[in-house]
């Protein structure tokens, strides 16, 4: 197994390089660049750059400094060299991206770790319940509910929740004012991660405020994956419980709980382990819009802002991070196959 993991890690290097090349070409093929965004049109007027010659000289110096007019291969190798040196920069703010990227990465990974944990902790029991009581009233209600949730776009749900909470806050506070009960006024948070006065909170108040801010984003990022994974778990369990060895276990007198949790569970996990490789980057990608809607300072909001301002380094780094997560997700899935069923082996027997 160690040899297989080492070989897969080595294969990631040319794979990531190919992804980097394609990503770089796609980004450079889009209209506009940092110079046009900084010196063109409204940006120039707002900056007071009405002296055409001065603006033209500044733009030329900017393009020369960042090699924006050089051939594509020169720009690419200049970028690759800066990757190895860790010199990822902002084109417009003239500074390193790392002070913004690392805190944003921590926030996004923290939120998505919670989402992953909730999805698998809830989806597996729900799938097992549906498979052990197929076509029952509970199974039908759960199936209908999950299919409805899966069909709802997360960005639409996020916006509806945000608007609904805004109206609820306004209605509640208006009612409290009319009853002269201002001490009961409350605004449920729908933006950011902390209250503006969070630095003055006690530890318990700070954790409670942090939790309230995370509820809506995590809810919007969890429900669709939960619906999909639980249905896959149900399908996998239904297939396994029809196998001959399950009937043999029942014939030997094993209790229903032992049949499900000991004999059937491991093999029924294979479908959702396979989905792990695609779910990991999908959650990161899906959090982009959710973070932007709820104004969370994670990688999602940072990526969208970078796209608008044509910050090539930030865009490419976030794309490469998604690629790394995909490759790591595939590798983790392979390792989990062996952990679930030791009979699985990736080593050559020749």
C-alpha atoms as a PDB file:
ATOM      1  CA  UNK A   1       0.000   0.000   0.000  1.00  0.00           C
ATOM      2  CA  UNK A   2       2.840   2.404   0.813  1.00  0.00           C
ATOM      3  CA  UNK A   3       4.331   1.830  -2.638  1.00  0.00           C
ATOM      4  CA  UNK A   4       0.977   2.554  -4.274  1.00  0.00           C
ATOM      5  CA  UNK A   5       0.529   5.797  -2.306  1.00  0.00           C
ATOM      6  CA  UNK A   6       4.058   6.941  -3.178  1.00  0.00           C
ATOM      7  CA  UNK A   7       3.472   6.172  -6.857  1.00  0.00           C
ATOM      8  CA  UNK A   8       0.183   8.083  -6.853  1.00  0.00           C
ATOM      9  CA  UNK A   9       1.807  11.088  -5.200  1.00  0.00           C
ATOM     10  CA  UNK A  10       4.488  11.115  -7.894  1.00  0.00           C
ATOM     11  CA  UNK A  11       1.835  10.937 -10.615  1.00  0.00           C
ATOM     12  CA  UNK A  12       0.176  14.019  -9.139  1.00  0.00           C
ATOM     13  CA  UNK A  13       3.125  16.160 -10.253  1.00  0.00           C
ATOM     14  CA  UNK A  14       2.618  15.846 -14.059  1.00  0.00           C
ATOM     15  CA  UNK A  15      -1.159  15.899 -13.541  1.00  0.00           C
ATOM     16  CA  UNK A  16      -1.009  19.176 -11.648  1.00  0.00           C
ATOM     17  CA  UNK A  17       1.348  20.636 -14.228  1.00  0.00           C
ATOM     18  CA  UNK A  18      -1.117  19.781 -17.011  1.00  0.00           C
ATOM     19  CA  UNK A  19      -3.968  21.328 -15.039  1.00  0.00           C
ATOM     20  CA  UNK A  20      -1.840  24.431 -14.459  1.00  0.00           C
ATOM     21  CA  UNK A  21      -1.144  24.806 -18.185  1.00  0.00           C
ATOM     22  CA  UNK A  22      -4.818  24.461 -19.140  1.00  0.00           C
ATOM     23  CA  UNK A  23      -5.950  26.806 -16.368  1.00  0.00           C
ATOM     24  CA  UNK A  24      -3.399  29.416 -17.383  1.00  0.00           C
ATOM     25  CA  UNK A  25      -4.497  29.276 -21.032  1.00  0.00           C
ATOM     26  CA  UNK A  26      -8.186  29.559 -20.106  1.00  0.00           C
ATOM     27  CA  UNK A  27      -7.607  32.534 -17.806  1.00  0.00           C
ATOM     28  CA  UNK A  28      -5.425  34.351 -20.340  1.00  0.00           C
ATOM     29  CA  UNK A  29      -8.046  33.745 -23.050  1.00  0.00           C
ATOM     30  CA  UNK A  30     -10.711  35.699 -21.199  1.00  0.00           C
ATOM     31  CA  UNK A  31     -11.297  39.356 -22.160  1.00  0.00           C
ATOM     32  CA  UNK A  32      -9.542  42.028 -20.148  1.00  0.00           C
ATOM     33  CA  UNK A  33      -6.507  42.009 -17.893  1.00  0.00           C
ATOM     34  CA  UNK A  34      -5.380  43.775 -14.692  1.00  0.00           C
ATOM     35  CA  UNK A  35      -4.016  46.758 -16.633  1.00  0.00           C
ATOM     36  CA  UNK A  36      -7.250  47.466 -18.476  1.00  0.00           C
ATOM     37  CA  UNK A  37      -9.165  47.171 -15.220  1.00  0.00           C
ATOM     38  CA  UNK A  38      -6.833  49.541 -13.424  1.00  0.00           C
ATOM     39  CA  UNK A  39      -6.223  52.204 -16.050  1.00  0.00           C
ATOM     40  CA  UNK A  40      -9.200  51.997 -18.384  1.00  0.00           C
ATOM     41  CA  UNK A  41     -12.443  53.931 -18.502  1.00  0.00           C
ATOM     42  CA  UNK A  42     -14.136  54.649 -15.213  1.00  0.00           C
ATOM     43  CA  UNK A  43     -11.160  53.523 -13.137  1.00  0.00           C
ATOM     44  CA  UNK A  44      -8.937  56.152 -14.775  1.00  0.00           C
ATOM     45  CA  UNK A  45     -11.523  58.884 -14.351  1.00  0.00           C
ATOM     46  CA  UNK A  46     -12.109  58.079 -10.678  1.00  0.00           C
ATOM     47  CA  UNK A  47      -8.373  58.111 -10.059  1.00  0.00           C
ATOM     48  CA  UNK A  48      -8.070  61.596 -11.528  1.00  0.00           C
ATOM     49  CA  UNK A  49      -5.924  60.373 -14.433  1.00  0.00           C
ATOM     50  CA  UNK A  50      -7.102  62.778 -17.049  1.00  0.00           C
ATOM     51  CA  UNK A  51      -3.650  63.543 -18.328  1.00  0.00           C
ATOM     52  CA  UNK A  52      -3.608  61.120 -21.224  1.00  0.00           C
ATOM     53  CA  UNK A  53       0.164  60.941 -21.522  1.00  0.00           C
ATOM     54  CA  UNK A  54       0.698  60.297 -17.833  1.00  0.00           C
ATOM     55  CA  UNK A  55      -1.930  57.566 -17.822  1.00  0.00           C
ATOM     56  CA  UNK A  56      -0.459  55.981 -20.933  1.00  0.00           C
ATOM     57  CA  UNK A  57       3.054  55.936 -19.458  1.00  0.00           C
ATOM     58  CA  UNK A  58       1.807  54.472 -16.179  1.00  0.00           C
ATOM     59  CA  UNK A  59      -0.070  51.707 -17.999  1.00  0.00           C
ATOM     60  CA  UNK A  60       2.958  50.870 -20.139  1.00  0.00           C
ATOM     61  CA  UNK A  61       5.143  50.644 -17.050  1.00  0.00           C
ATOM     62  CA  UNK A  62       2.532  48.474 -15.346  1.00  0.00           C
ATOM     63  CA  UNK A  63       2.317  46.099 -18.318  1.00  0.00           C
ATOM     64  CA  UNK A  64       6.089  45.875 -18.607  1.00  0.00           C
ATOM     65  CA  UNK A  65       6.488  45.206 -14.892  1.00  0.00           C
ATOM     66  CA  UNK A  66       4.016  42.300 -14.970  1.00  0.00           C
ATOM     67  CA  UNK A  67       4.933  41.107 -18.483  1.00  0.00           C
ATOM     68  CA  UNK A  68       1.333  41.446 -19.688  1.00  0.00           C
ATOM     69  CA  UNK A  69       2.432  42.162 -23.266  1.00  0.00           C
ATOM     70  CA  UNK A  70       4.973  39.348 -23.450  1.00  0.00           C
ATOM     71  CA  UNK A  71       4.254  36.134 -25.398  1.00  0.00           C
ATOM     72  CA  UNK A  72       2.066  33.646 -23.554  1.00  0.00           C
ATOM     73  CA  UNK A  73       4.882  31.162 -22.900  1.00  0.00           C
ATOM     74  CA  UNK A  74       7.035  33.917 -21.340  1.00  0.00           C
ATOM     75  CA  UNK A  75       4.182  34.886 -19.020  1.00  0.00           C
ATOM     76  CA  UNK A  76       3.634  31.229 -18.115  1.00  0.00           C
ATOM     77  CA  UNK A  77       7.222  30.463 -17.155  1.00  0.00           C
ATOM     78  CA  UNK A  78       7.436  33.760 -15.274  1.00  0.00           C
ATOM     79  CA  UNK A  79       4.378  32.640 -13.319  1.00  0.00           C
ATOM     80  CA  UNK A  80       5.787  29.132 -12.708  1.00  0.00           C
ATOM     81  CA  UNK A  81       9.023  30.635 -11.421  1.00  0.00           C
ATOM     82  CA  UNK A  82       7.106  32.767  -8.955  1.00  0.00           C
ATOM     83  CA  UNK A  83       5.133  29.705  -7.807  1.00  0.00           C
ATOM     84  CA  UNK A  84       8.349  27.934  -6.815  1.00  0.00           C
ATOM     85  CA  UNK A  85       9.519  31.070  -5.009  1.00  0.00           C
ATOM     86  CA  UNK A  86       6.133  31.542  -3.340  1.00  0.00           C
ATOM     87  CA  UNK A  87       5.817  35.048  -4.804  1.00  0.00           C
ATOM     88  CA  UNK A  88       2.087  35.114  -5.546  1.00  0.00           C
ATOM     89  CA  UNK A  89       1.077  38.759  -5.865  1.00  0.00           C
ATOM     90  CA  UNK A  90      -1.788  41.177  -6.335  1.00  0.00           C
ATOM     91  CA  UNK A  91      -1.537  43.060  -9.611  1.00  0.00           C
ATOM     92  CA  UNK A  92      -3.580  46.027  -8.436  1.00  0.00           C
ATOM     93  CA  UNK A  93      -2.710  46.273  -4.717  1.00  0.00           C
ATOM     94  CA  UNK A  94       0.992  45.572  -5.296  1.00  0.00           C
ATOM     95  CA  UNK A  95       1.346  43.074  -2.472  1.00  0.00           C
ATOM     96  CA  UNK A  96       1.468  39.368  -1.658  1.00  0.00           C
ATOM     97  CA  UNK A  97      -1.761  37.366  -1.787  1.00  0.00           C
ATOM     98  CA  UNK A  98      -0.772  35.115   1.146  1.00  0.00           C
ATOM     99  CA  UNK A  99      -1.900  37.459   3.981  1.00  0.00           C
ATOM    100  CA  UNK A 100      -5.412  37.328   2.483  1.00  0.00           C
ATOM    101  CA  UNK A 101      -5.382  33.775   1.103  1.00  0.00           C
ATOM    102  CA  UNK A 102      -4.242  31.851   4.185  1.00  0.00           C
ATOM    103  CA  UNK A 103      -6.920  33.221   6.595  1.00  0.00           C
ATOM    104  CA  UNK A 104      -9.579  32.780   3.888  1.00  0.00           C
ATOM    105  CA  UNK A 105      -8.401  29.215   3.263  1.00  0.00           C
ATOM    106  CA  UNK A 106      -8.645  28.399   6.970  1.00  0.00           C
ATOM    107  CA  UNK A 107     -12.215  29.698   7.128  1.00  0.00           C
ATOM    108  CA  UNK A 108     -13.332  27.775   4.041  1.00  0.00           C
ATOM    109  CA  UNK A 109     -11.679  24.529   5.115  1.00  0.00           C
ATOM    110  CA  UNK A 110     -13.159  24.851   8.606  1.00  0.00           C
ATOM    111  CA  UNK A 111     -16.677  25.371   7.273  1.00  0.00           C
ATOM    112  CA  UNK A 112     -16.380  22.576   4.734  1.00  0.00           C
ATOM    113  CA  UNK A 113     -14.969  20.195   7.342  1.00  0.00           C
ATOM    114  CA  UNK A 114     -18.112  20.758   9.416  1.00  0.00           C
ATOM    115  CA  UNK A 115     -20.243  20.221   6.316  1.00  0.00           C
ATOM    116  CA  UNK A 116     -18.423  16.974   5.477  1.00  0.00           C
ATOM    117  CA  UNK A 117     -18.853  15.684   9.005  1.00  0.00           C
ATOM    118  CA  UNK A 118     -22.571  16.500   9.059  1.00  0.00           C
ATOM    119  CA  UNK A 119     -23.201  15.025   5.624  1.00  0.00           C
ATOM    120  CA  UNK A 120     -21.659  11.649   6.369  1.00  0.00           C
ATOM    121  CA  UNK A 121     -22.875  11.414   9.986  1.00  0.00           C
ATOM    122  CA  UNK A 122     -26.458  12.034   8.864  1.00  0.00           C
ATOM    123  CA  UNK A 123     -26.476  10.421   5.416  1.00  0.00           C
ATOM    124  CA  UNK A 124     -25.258   6.973   6.493  1.00  0.00           C
ATOM    125  CA  UNK A 125     -27.910   6.378   9.197  1.00  0.00           C
ATOM    126  CA  UNK A 126     -30.627   7.850   6.971  1.00  0.00           C
ATOM    127  CA  UNK A 127     -29.641   5.605   4.078  1.00  0.00           C
ATOM    128  CA  UNK A 128     -29.536   2.544   6.338  1.00  0.00           C
ATOM    129  CA  UNK A 129     -32.980   3.351   7.769  1.00  0.00           C
ATOM    130  CA  UNK A 130     -34.472   3.719   4.287  1.00  0.00           C
ATOM    131  CA  UNK A 131     -32.860   0.464   3.109  1.00  0.00           C
ATOM    132  CA  UNK A 132     -33.974  -1.580   6.119  1.00  0.00           C
ATOM    133  CA  UNK A 133     -37.564  -0.351   5.809  1.00  0.00           C
ATOM    134  CA  UNK A 134     -38.046   0.090   2.047  1.00  0.00           C
ATOM    135  CA  UNK A 135     -41.382   1.460   0.826  1.00  0.00           C
ATOM    136  CA  UNK A 136     -42.519   2.143   4.382  1.00  0.00           C
ATOM    137  CA  UNK A 137     -44.232   5.418   5.253  1.00  0.00           C
ATOM    138  CA  UNK A 138     -41.032   6.771   6.806  1.00  0.00           C
ATOM    139  CA  UNK A 139     -38.997   5.773   3.753  1.00  0.00           C
ATOM    140  CA  UNK A 140     -41.481   7.426   1.367  1.00  0.00           C
ATOM    141  CA  UNK A 141     -41.574  10.652   3.361  1.00  0.00           C
ATOM    142  CA  UNK A 142     -37.785  10.761   3.626  1.00  0.00           C
ATOM    143  CA  UNK A 143     -37.342  10.022  -0.084  1.00  0.00           C
ATOM    144  CA  UNK A 144     -39.773  12.761  -1.104  1.00  0.00           C
ATOM    145  CA  UNK A 145     -38.202  15.288   1.261  1.00  0.00           C
ATOM    146  CA  UNK A 146     -34.659  14.530   0.135  1.00  0.00           C
ATOM    147  CA  UNK A 147     -35.523  14.676  -3.565  1.00  0.00           C
ATOM    148  CA  UNK A 148     -37.182  18.063  -3.056  1.00  0.00           C
ATOM    149  CA  UNK A 149     -34.118  19.340  -1.195  1.00  0.00           C
ATOM    150  CA  UNK A 150     -31.762  17.991  -3.845  1.00  0.00           C
ATOM    151  CA  UNK A 151     -33.693  19.798  -6.589  1.00  0.00           C
ATOM    152  CA  UNK A 152     -33.424  23.213  -4.896  1.00  0.00           C
ATOM    153  CA  UNK A 153     -30.405  25.294  -5.988  1.00  0.00           C
ATOM    154  CA  UNK A 154     -28.296  26.210  -2.982  1.00  0.00           C
ATOM    155  CA  UNK A 155     -27.823  29.842  -4.071  1.00  0.00           C
ATOM    156  CA  UNK A 156     -31.606  30.291  -4.347  1.00  0.00           C
ATOM    157  CA  UNK A 157     -32.201  28.742  -0.925  1.00  0.00           C
ATOM    158  CA  UNK A 158     -29.434  30.916   0.545  1.00  0.00           C
ATOM    159  CA  UNK A 159     -30.984  34.094  -0.838  1.00  0.00           C
ATOM    160  CA  UNK A 160     -34.496  33.094   0.267  1.00  0.00           C
ATOM    161  CA  UNK A 161     -33.226  32.349   3.775  1.00  0.00           C
ATOM    162  CA  UNK A 162     -31.355  35.634   3.886  1.00  0.00           C
ATOM    163  CA  UNK A 163     -34.413  37.637   2.821  1.00  0.00           C
ATOM    164  CA  UNK A 164     -36.692  35.638   5.116  1.00  0.00           C
ATOM    165  CA  UNK A 165     -34.470  36.251   8.131  1.00  0.00           C
ATOM    166  CA  UNK A 166     -34.272  39.952   7.287  1.00  0.00           C
ATOM    167  CA  UNK A 167     -38.071  40.219   7.245  1.00  0.00           C
ATOM    168  CA  UNK A 168     -38.377  38.131  10.417  1.00  0.00           C
ATOM    169  CA  UNK A 169     -35.886  40.352  12.221  1.00  0.00           C
ATOM    170  CA  UNK A 170     -37.787  43.462  11.176  1.00  0.00           C
ATOM    171  CA  UNK A 171     -41.183  42.020  12.180  1.00  0.00           C
ATOM    172  CA  UNK A 172     -39.916  40.756  15.544  1.00  0.00           C
ATOM    173  CA  UNK A 173     -38.220  44.031  16.469  1.00  0.00           C
ATOM    174  CA  UNK A 174     -41.287  46.033  15.402  1.00  0.00           C
ATOM    175  CA  UNK A 175     -43.438  43.860  17.663  1.00  0.00           C
ATOM    176  CA  UNK A 176     -41.034  44.316  20.571  1.00  0.00           C
ATOM    177  CA  UNK A 177     -41.047  48.097  20.103  1.00  0.00           C
ATOM    178  CA  UNK A 178     -44.840  48.188  20.058  1.00  0.00           C
ATOM    179  CA  UNK A 179     -44.913  46.234  23.338  1.00  0.00           C
ATOM    180  CA  UNK A 180     -42.173  48.406  24.863  1.00  0.00           C
ATOM    181  CA  UNK A 181     -39.975  45.323  25.320  1.00  0.00           C
ATOM    182  CA  UNK A 182     -36.749  46.569  23.794  1.00  0.00           C
ATOM    183  CA  UNK A 183     -34.648  44.189  25.904  1.00  0.00           C
ATOM    184  CA  UNK A 184     -36.064  41.321  23.802  1.00  0.00           C
ATOM    185  CA  UNK A 185     -35.108  42.826  20.451  1.00  0.00           C
ATOM    186  CA  UNK A 186     -32.873  40.549  18.409  1.00  0.00           C
ATOM    187  CA  UNK A 187     -31.329  40.438  14.939  1.00  0.00           C
ATOM    188  CA  UNK A 188     -30.394  36.991  13.699  1.00  0.00           C
ATOM    189  CA  UNK A 189     -27.019  37.341  11.901  1.00  0.00           C
ATOM    190  CA  UNK A 190     -26.988  36.859   8.135  1.00  0.00           C
ATOM    191  CA  UNK A 191     -23.638  38.384   7.222  1.00  0.00           C
ATOM    192  CA  UNK A 192     -20.034  37.682   8.115  1.00  0.00           C
ATOM    193  CA  UNK A 193     -18.754  35.454  10.896  1.00  0.00           C
ATOM    194  CA  UNK A 194     -18.868  37.762  13.923  1.00  0.00           C
ATOM    195  CA  UNK A 195     -20.859  40.600  15.406  1.00  0.00           C
ATOM    196  CA  UNK A 196     -19.240  44.023  15.202  1.00  0.00           C
ATOM    197  CA  UNK A 197     -18.808  43.939  18.991  1.00  0.00           C
ATOM    198  CA  UNK A 198     -17.471  40.375  19.123  1.00  0.00           C
ATOM    199  CA  UNK A 199     -14.098  41.517  20.479  1.00  0.00           C
ATOM    200  CA  UNK A 200     -15.858  42.531  23.716  1.00  0.00           C
ATOM    201  CA  UNK A 201     -17.721  39.228  24.152  1.00  0.00           C
ATOM    202  CA  UNK A 202     -16.887  36.588  26.720  1.00  0.00           C
ATOM    203  CA  UNK A 203     -15.712  33.211  25.418  1.00  0.00           C
ATOM    204  CA  UNK A 204     -19.196  31.692  25.630  1.00  0.00           C
ATOM    205  CA  UNK A 205     -20.809  34.712  23.963  1.00  0.00           C
ATOM    206  CA  UNK A 206     -18.149  34.654  21.242  1.00  0.00           C
ATOM    207  CA  UNK A 207     -18.742  30.942  20.507  1.00  0.00           C
ATOM    208  CA  UNK A 208     -22.518  31.416  20.516  1.00  0.00           C
ATOM    209  CA  UNK A 209     -22.270  34.382  18.134  1.00  0.00           C
ATOM    210  CA  UNK A 210     -19.902  32.395  15.878  1.00  0.00           C
ATOM    211  CA  UNK A 211     -22.312  29.447  15.832  1.00  0.00           C
ATOM    212  CA  UNK A 212     -25.285  31.640  14.921  1.00  0.00           C
ATOM    213  CA  UNK A 213     -23.365  33.128  12.003  1.00  0.00           C
ATOM    214  CA  UNK A 214     -22.458  29.657  10.692  1.00  0.00           C
ATOM    215  CA  UNK A 215     -25.914  28.047  10.856  1.00  0.00           C
ATOM    216  CA  UNK A 216     -27.386  29.391   7.612  1.00  0.00           C
ATOM    217  CA  UNK A 217     -24.264  28.937   5.418  1.00  0.00           C
ATOM    218  CA  UNK A 218     -23.686  25.385   6.682  1.00  0.00           C
ATOM    219  CA  UNK A 219     -27.358  24.546   6.183  1.00  0.00           C
ATOM    220  CA  UNK A 220     -27.241  25.744   2.570  1.00  0.00           C
ATOM    221  CA  UNK A 221     -24.038  23.810   1.861  1.00  0.00           C
ATOM    222  CA  UNK A 222     -25.199  20.587   3.566  1.00  0.00           C
ATOM    223  CA  UNK A 223     -28.701  19.723   2.431  1.00  0.00           C
ATOM    224  CA  UNK A 224     -28.027  18.879  -1.247  1.00  0.00           C
ATOM    225  CA  UNK A 225     -25.021  16.654  -0.520  1.00  0.00           C
ATOM    226  CA  UNK A 226     -26.909  15.042   2.348  1.00  0.00           C
ATOM    227  CA  UNK A 227     -29.810  14.177   0.052  1.00  0.00           C
ATOM    228  CA  UNK A 228     -27.545  12.725  -2.631  1.00  0.00           C
ATOM    229  CA  UNK A 229     -25.249  10.732  -0.336  1.00  0.00           C
ATOM    230  CA  UNK A 230     -28.137   9.280   1.681  1.00  0.00           C
ATOM    231  CA  UNK A 231     -29.818   8.035  -1.528  1.00  0.00           C
ATOM    232  CA  UNK A 232     -26.566   6.453  -2.639  1.00  0.00           C
ATOM    233  CA  UNK A 233     -26.204   4.826   0.779  1.00  0.00           C
ATOM    234  CA  UNK A 234     -29.736   3.474   0.511  1.00  0.00           C
ATOM    235  CA  UNK A 235     -29.066   2.026  -2.931  1.00  0.00           C
ATOM    236  CA  UNK A 236     -25.799   0.447  -1.806  1.00  0.00           C
ATOM    237  CA  UNK A 237     -27.385  -1.103   1.291  1.00  0.00           C
ATOM    238  CA  UNK A 238     -30.364  -2.457  -0.687  1.00  0.00           C
ATOM    239  CA  UNK A 239     -27.981  -4.175  -3.088  1.00  0.00           C
ATOM    240  CA  UNK A 240     -25.897  -5.686  -0.286  1.00  0.00           C
ATOM    241  CA  UNK A 241     -28.790  -7.035   1.805  1.00  0.00           C
ATOM    242  CA  UNK A 242     -29.896  -9.137  -1.156  1.00  0.00           C
ATOM    243  CA  UNK A 243     -26.575 -10.981  -1.321  1.00  0.00           C
ATOM    244  CA  UNK A 244     -26.263 -14.668  -0.423  1.00  0.00           C
ATOM    245  CA  UNK A 245     -23.922 -14.106   2.518  1.00  0.00           C
ATOM    246  CA  UNK A 246     -26.504 -11.836   4.161  1.00  0.00           C
ATOM    247  CA  UNK A 247     -29.146 -14.548   3.847  1.00  0.00           C
ATOM    248  CA  UNK A 248     -26.632 -17.018   5.332  1.00  0.00           C
ATOM    249  CA  UNK A 249     -26.014 -14.695   8.289  1.00  0.00           C
ATOM    250  CA  UNK A 250     -29.750 -14.428   8.892  1.00  0.00           C
ATOM    251  CA  UNK A 251     -30.114 -18.211   8.641  1.00  0.00           C
ATOM    252  CA  UNK A 252     -27.415 -18.667  11.308  1.00  0.00           C
ATOM    253  CA  UNK A 253     -29.518 -16.615  13.708  1.00  0.00           C
ATOM    254  CA  UNK A 254     -27.711 -13.273  13.617  1.00  0.00           C
ATOM    255  CA  UNK A 255     -29.798 -10.414  14.943  1.00  0.00           C
ATOM    256  CA  UNK A 256     -31.044  -7.821  12.404  1.00  0.00           C
ATOM    257  CA  UNK A 257     -28.772  -5.176  13.958  1.00  0.00           C
ATOM    258  CA  UNK A 258     -25.700  -7.419  13.640  1.00  0.00           C
ATOM    259  CA  UNK A 259     -26.576  -8.308  10.054  1.00  0.00           C
ATOM    260  CA  UNK A 260     -26.781  -4.630   9.086  1.00  0.00           C
ATOM    261  CA  UNK A 261     -23.972  -3.082  11.119  1.00  0.00           C
ATOM    262  CA  UNK A 262     -21.446  -5.923  10.967  1.00  0.00           C
ATOM    263  CA  UNK A 263     -22.071  -7.932   7.798  1.00  0.00           C
ATOM    264  CA  UNK A 264     -23.698  -5.466   5.392  1.00  0.00           C
ATOM    265  CA  UNK A 265     -22.389  -2.007   6.324  1.00  0.00           C
ATOM    266  CA  UNK A 266     -18.814  -2.309   5.072  1.00  0.00           C
ATOM    267  CA  UNK A 267     -19.659  -3.407   1.554  1.00  0.00           C
ATOM    268  CA  UNK A 268     -22.506  -0.886   1.287  1.00  0.00           C
ATOM    269  CA  UNK A 269     -20.047   1.951   1.966  1.00  0.00           C
ATOM    270  CA  UNK A 270     -18.238   1.516  -1.362  1.00  0.00           C
ATOM    271  CA  UNK A 271     -20.586   3.798  -3.402  1.00  0.00           C
ATOM    272  CA  UNK A 272     -20.272   6.747  -1.022  1.00  0.00           C
ATOM    273  CA  UNK A 273     -16.519   6.243  -0.682  1.00  0.00           C
ATOM    274  CA  UNK A 274     -16.317   6.543  -4.466  1.00  0.00           C
ATOM    275  CA  UNK A 275     -18.295   9.802  -4.278  1.00  0.00           C
ATOM    276  CA  UNK A 276     -15.873  11.249  -1.739  1.00  0.00           C
ATOM    277  CA  UNK A 277     -13.386  12.161  -4.484  1.00  0.00           C
ATOM    278  CA  UNK A 278     -15.943  14.312  -6.298  1.00  0.00           C
ATOM    279  CA  UNK A 279     -17.710  15.649  -3.209  1.00  0.00           C
ATOM    280  CA  UNK A 280     -14.584  17.238  -1.713  1.00  0.00           C
ATOM    281  CA  UNK A 281     -13.885  19.755  -4.529  1.00  0.00           C
ATOM    282  CA  UNK A 282     -17.608  20.167  -5.198  1.00  0.00           C
ATOM    283  CA  UNK A 283     -18.176  21.447  -1.677  1.00  0.00           C
ATOM    284  CA  UNK A 284     -15.294  23.898  -2.011  1.00  0.00           C
ATOM    285  CA  UNK A 285     -16.657  25.099  -5.347  1.00  0.00           C
ATOM    286  CA  UNK A 286     -20.198  25.288  -4.029  1.00  0.00           C
ATOM    287  CA  UNK A 287     -19.104  27.398  -1.090  1.00  0.00           C
ATOM    288  CA  UNK A 288     -18.021  30.176  -3.471  1.00  0.00           C
ATOM    289  CA  UNK A 289     -21.545  31.483  -4.024  1.00  0.00           C
ATOM    290  CA  UNK A 290     -22.722  30.755  -0.480  1.00  0.00           C
ATOM    291  CA  UNK A 291     -19.786  32.641   1.022  1.00  0.00           C
ATOM    292  CA  UNK A 292     -20.442  35.564  -1.307  1.00  0.00           C
ATOM    293  CA  UNK A 293     -24.160  35.702  -0.405  1.00  0.00           C
ATOM    294  CA  UNK A 294     -23.500  35.609   3.349  1.00  0.00           C
ATOM    295  CA  UNK A 295     -20.425  37.843   3.095  1.00  0.00           C
ATOM    296  CA  UNK A 296     -18.120  35.259   4.666  1.00  0.00           C
ATOM    297  CA  UNK A 297     -14.435  36.174   4.240  1.00  0.00           C
ATOM    298  CA  UNK A 298     -13.454  32.769   2.880  1.00  0.00           C
ATOM    299  CA  UNK A 299     -11.972  31.605  -0.386  1.00  0.00           C
ATOM    300  CA  UNK A 300     -15.302  31.870  -2.169  1.00  0.00           C
ATOM    301  CA  UNK A 301     -15.713  35.586  -1.677  1.00  0.00           C
ATOM    302  CA  UNK A 302     -12.011  36.117  -2.285  1.00  0.00           C
ATOM    303  CA  UNK A 303     -12.196  34.211  -5.579  1.00  0.00           C
ATOM    304  CA  UNK A 304     -15.176  36.166  -6.905  1.00  0.00           C
ATOM    305  CA  UNK A 305     -13.564  39.487  -6.003  1.00  0.00           C
ATOM    306  CA  UNK A 306     -10.374  38.322  -7.744  1.00  0.00           C
ATOM    307  CA  UNK A 307     -12.278  37.372 -10.906  1.00  0.00           C
ATOM    308  CA  UNK A 308     -13.850  40.830 -11.081  1.00  0.00           C
ATOM    309  CA  UNK A 309     -10.468  42.535 -10.657  1.00  0.00           C
ATOM    310  CA  UNK A 310      -8.564  40.055 -12.914  1.00  0.00           C
ATOM    311  CA  UNK A 311      -6.137  39.005 -10.179  1.00  0.00           C
ATOM    312  CA  UNK A 312      -4.544  36.142 -12.117  1.00  0.00           C
ATOM    313  CA  UNK A 313      -2.385  34.809  -9.303  1.00  0.00           C
ATOM    314  CA  UNK A 314      -5.254  34.491  -6.853  1.00  0.00           C
ATOM    315  CA  UNK A 315      -7.501  32.821  -9.445  1.00  0.00           C
ATOM    316  CA  UNK A 316      -4.845  30.305 -10.487  1.00  0.00           C
ATOM    317  CA  UNK A 317      -3.907  29.454  -6.899  1.00  0.00           C
ATOM    318  CA  UNK A 318      -7.552  28.750  -5.977  1.00  0.00           C
ATOM    319  CA  UNK A 319      -8.009  26.649  -9.125  1.00  0.00           C
ATOM    320  CA  UNK A 320      -4.890  24.653  -8.324  1.00  0.00           C
ATOM    321  CA  UNK A 321      -6.129  24.137  -4.779  1.00  0.00           C
ATOM    322  CA  UNK A 322      -9.344  22.631  -6.174  1.00  0.00           C
ATOM    323  CA  UNK A 323      -7.238  20.364  -8.389  1.00  0.00           C
ATOM    324  CA  UNK A 324      -5.122  19.250  -5.428  1.00  0.00           C
ATOM    325  CA  UNK A 325      -8.255  18.531  -3.398  1.00  0.00           C
ATOM    326  CA  UNK A 326      -9.658  16.437  -6.249  1.00  0.00           C
ATOM    327  CA  UNK A 327      -6.486  14.358  -6.542  1.00  0.00           C
ATOM    328  CA  UNK A 328      -6.243  13.971  -2.771  1.00  0.00           C
ATOM    329  CA  UNK A 329      -9.907  12.990  -2.647  1.00  0.00           C
ATOM    330  CA  UNK A 330      -9.277  10.202  -5.168  1.00  0.00           C
ATOM    331  CA  UNK A 331      -6.260   8.993  -3.194  1.00  0.00           C
ATOM    332  CA  UNK A 332      -8.158   9.087   0.106  1.00  0.00           C
ATOM    333  CA  UNK A 333     -10.985   7.112  -1.521  1.00  0.00           C
ATOM    334  CA  UNK A 334      -8.533   4.404  -2.566  1.00  0.00           C
ATOM    335  CA  UNK A 335      -7.104   4.226   0.948  1.00  0.00           C
ATOM    336  CA  UNK A 336     -10.590   4.036   2.437  1.00  0.00           C
ATOM    337  CA  UNK A 337     -11.409   1.073   0.167  1.00  0.00           C
ATOM    338  CA  UNK A 338      -8.627  -0.886   1.858  1.00  0.00           C
ATOM    339  CA  UNK A 339      -9.698   0.223   5.335  1.00  0.00           C
ATOM    340  CA  UNK A 340     -13.294  -0.832   4.702  1.00  0.00           C
ATOM    341  CA  UNK A 341     -12.386  -4.154   3.064  1.00  0.00           C
ATOM    342  CA  UNK A 342      -8.828  -5.469   3.642  1.00  0.00           C
ATOM    343  CA  UNK A 343      -9.288  -7.850   0.705  1.00  0.00           C
ATOM    344  CA  UNK A 344      -8.938  -4.876  -1.633  1.00  0.00           C
ATOM    345  CA  UNK A 345      -5.347  -4.477  -2.809  1.00  0.00           C
ATOM    346  CA  UNK A 346      -3.705  -2.115  -5.281  1.00  0.00           C
ATOM    347  CA  UNK A 347      -0.406  -3.932  -5.302  1.00  0.00           C
ATOM    348  CA  UNK A 348       0.569  -6.054  -8.295  1.00  0.00           C
ATOM    349  CA  UNK A 349       0.608  -9.791  -7.540  1.00  0.00           C
ATOM    350  CA  UNK A 350       2.986 -10.657 -10.374  1.00  0.00           C
END
